[in-house]
Amino acid sequence: MRADPVNDSTNTPASADHLSEAVFHPAAIDALVRAGCEDDYLEDCTRVVYVSPLKALSNDIERNLQQPIQGIRDALLARGIADVEVTTAVRSGDTTARERDKMRRTAPHILVTTPESLHILLTSDSGRRMLGTARTVILDWALTSFRR
């Protein structure tokens, strides 16, 4: 993995199952938890955007985030440190109007989306407001590969 401190960009290789390892890398989650521990509060704003090429993969990625997040929360509680709730959400073509409205009111810390939905977010005022607080963008390996 290579990190660029100026742009906070991450380049990770695909794993054996062809999913980007970035989603399983704890750096983005760790930064959120550390911010929450330092401030005793984690502001409801999007800090990490994960762009996945397919809706189905987006749901899998969001589900796979739950285990490391819960593990970190359990470790904090075991050490007597206040819990830091890291929230996630998926924004794709299947996202209901109710779920989109909820994201506008309370932005997830980690947003998993598709290129098409990212385009919609970038072209709407509320989407730009939500994405304006992002500090890390992870592009799935399939989006960065050139194929003929």
Protein backbone atom coordinates (compact mmCIF):
# COMPACT_ATOMS: atom_id res chain seq x y z
CA MET A 1 0.00 0.00 0.00
CA ARG A 2 1.17 3.54 -0.76
CA ALA A 3 -0.20 6.61 0.96
CA ASP A 4 0.26 10.15 -0.28
CA PRO A 5 0.23 12.47 2.78
CA VAL A 6 -0.66 15.53 0.72
CA ASN A 7 -3.76 14.08 -0.91
CA ASP A 8 -4.46 11.31 1.59
CA SER A 9 -4.84 8.96 -1.37
CA THR A 10 -4.40 5.23 -1.07
CA ASN A 11 -3.39 2.74 -3.72
CA THR A 12 -3.90 -0.89 -2.78
CA PRO A 13 -3.58 -4.10 -4.78
CA ALA A 14 -6.51 -6.41 -5.29
CA SER A 15 -6.66 -9.45 -3.04
CA ALA A 16 -7.05 -13.04 -4.23
CA ASP A 17 -10.83 -12.66 -4.42
CA HIS A 18 -10.37 -9.52 -6.58
CA LEU A 19 -11.75 -7.16 -3.95
CA SER A 20 -9.69 -4.17 -2.99
CA GLU A 21 -7.89 -4.64 0.29
CA ALA A 22 -8.38 -0.95 1.11
CA VAL A 23 -11.77 -1.61 2.64
CA PHE A 24 -10.19 -4.07 5.04
CA HIS A 25 -7.24 -1.81 5.81
CA PRO A 26 -7.81 -0.19 9.19
CA ALA A 27 -6.21 3.21 8.45
CA ALA A 28 -9.41 5.02 7.49
CA ILE A 29 -11.38 3.51 10.38
CA ASP A 30 -8.48 4.17 12.75
CA ALA A 31 -8.41 7.86 11.82
CA LEU A 32 -12.14 8.15 12.55
CA VAL A 33 -11.83 6.39 15.90
CA ARG A 34 -8.82 8.46 16.93
CA ALA A 35 -10.67 11.67 16.07
CA GLY A 36 -13.64 10.48 18.12
CA CYS A 37 -11.44 9.58 21.09
CA GLU A 38 -9.52 12.86 21.01
CA ASP A 39 -12.66 14.99 20.81
CA ASP A 40 -14.93 12.67 22.86
CA TYR A 41 -17.31 12.99 19.92
CA LEU A 42 -17.28 12.04 16.25
CA GLU A 43 -19.10 14.63 14.17
CA ASP A 44 -21.80 13.28 11.84
CA CYS A 45 -20.07 14.00 8.55
CA THR A 46 -18.68 11.88 5.75
CA ARG A 47 -14.92 11.35 6.08
CA VAL A 48 -14.39 8.30 3.84
CA VAL A 49 -15.90 7.60 0.42
CA TYR A 50 -15.43 4.13 -1.05
CA VAL A 51 -16.32 3.91 -4.75
CA SER A 52 -17.22 0.41 -5.90
CA PRO A 53 -17.96 -0.49 -9.52
CA LEU A 54 -21.11 -2.51 -8.78
CA LYS A 55 -24.17 -2.10 -6.54
CA ALA A 56 -23.86 -5.68 -5.26
CA LEU A 57 -20.22 -5.15 -4.28
CA SER A 58 -21.14 -1.93 -2.49
CA ASN A 59 -23.49 -3.83 -0.22
CA ASP A 60 -20.86 -6.52 0.44
CA ILE A 61 -18.24 -3.91 1.25
CA GLU A 62 -20.54 -2.09 3.65
CA ARG A 63 -21.35 -5.39 5.38
CA ASN A 64 -17.65 -6.31 5.57
CA LEU A 65 -16.89 -3.02 7.31
CA GLN A 66 -19.11 -3.93 10.25
CA GLN A 67 -16.78 -6.59 11.71
CA PRO A 68 -13.64 -4.43 12.06
CA ILE A 69 -15.69 -1.48 13.29
CA GLN A 70 -17.36 -3.62 15.95
CA GLY A 71 -13.98 -5.12 16.89
CA ILE A 72 -12.53 -1.67 17.47
CA ARG A 73 -15.57 -0.61 19.51
CA ASP A 74 -15.28 -3.76 21.65
CA ALA A 75 -11.56 -3.13 22.19
CA LEU A 76 -12.24 0.46 23.28
CA LEU A 77 -14.86 -0.66 25.78
CA ALA A 78 -12.57 -3.42 27.11
CA ARG A 79 -9.93 -0.75 27.82
CA GLY A 80 -12.44 1.54 29.51
CA ILE A 81 -12.33 4.07 26.69
CA ALA A 82 -15.55 5.76 25.61
CA ASP A 83 -17.24 4.13 22.64
CA VAL A 84 -16.87 5.78 19.25
CA GLU A 85 -19.70 4.94 16.88
CA VAL A 86 -18.52 4.87 13.25
CA THR A 87 -21.49 4.87 10.88
CA THR A 88 -21.64 3.50 7.35
CA ALA A 89 -24.13 3.73 4.51
CA VAL A 90 -24.50 2.63 0.89
CA ARG A 91 -25.64 5.08 -1.79
CA SER A 92 -26.51 3.36 -5.06
CA GLY A 93 -29.33 3.26 -7.55
CA ASP A 94 -31.21 1.01 -5.11
CA THR A 95 -31.08 3.49 -2.23
CA THR A 96 -34.62 4.47 -1.27
CA ALA A 97 -35.76 8.07 -0.98
CA ARG A 98 -36.11 7.53 2.76
CA GLU A 99 -32.51 6.34 3.09
CA ARG A 100 -31.24 9.26 0.96
CA ASP A 101 -33.17 11.70 3.16
CA LYS A 102 -31.66 10.10 6.28
CA MET A 103 -28.15 10.55 4.80
CA ARG A 104 -28.89 14.22 4.13
CA ARG A 105 -29.95 14.73 7.77
CA THR A 106 -27.20 12.61 9.34
CA ALA A 107 -24.28 11.89 7.05
CA PRO A 108 -22.51 8.55 7.49
CA HIS A 109 -18.83 8.61 8.43
CA ILE A 110 -18.09 6.07 5.70
CA LEU A 111 -20.08 6.22 2.46
CA VAL A 112 -19.90 3.31 0.02
CA THR A 113 -21.16 4.26 -3.43
CA THR A 114 -21.03 3.49 -7.14
CA PRO A 115 -19.61 5.76 -9.86
CA GLU A 116 -23.12 6.57 -11.09
CA SER A 117 -24.35 7.55 -7.64
CA LEU A 118 -21.16 9.49 -6.98
CA HIS A 119 -21.91 11.51 -10.11
CA ILE A 120 -25.40 12.25 -8.82
CA LEU A 121 -23.99 13.30 -5.45
CA LEU A 122 -21.43 15.57 -7.08
CA THR A 123 -24.09 17.31 -9.16
CA SER A 124 -26.49 18.04 -6.30
CA ASP A 125 -26.09 20.68 -3.60
CA SER A 126 -26.85 18.28 -0.75
CA GLY A 127 -24.49 15.66 -2.20
CA ARG A 128 -21.65 18.16 -2.52
CA ARG A 129 -22.22 19.26 1.08
CA MET A 130 -21.99 15.65 2.26
CA LEU A 131 -18.90 14.90 0.17
CA GLY A 132 -17.25 18.21 1.08
CA THR A 133 -16.11 16.85 4.43
CA ALA A 134 -14.51 13.69 2.98
CA ARG A 135 -10.80 13.29 3.67
CA THR A 136 -10.25 9.89 2.07
CA VAL A 137 -11.54 8.49 -1.22
CA ILE A 138 -10.96 4.83 -2.01
CA LEU A 139 -11.43 3.73 -5.61
CA ASP A 140 -12.02 0.03 -6.07
CA TRP A 141 -9.25 -1.58 -8.10
CA ALA A 142 -11.60 -2.28 -11.01
CA LEU A 143 -12.13 1.46 -11.47
CA THR A 144 -8.41 2.17 -11.68
CA SER A 145 -7.53 -0.64 -14.11
CA PHE A 146 -7.30 0.03 -17.80
CA ARG A 147 -8.94 -2.73 -19.79
CA ARG A 148 -9.57 -3.22 -23.50
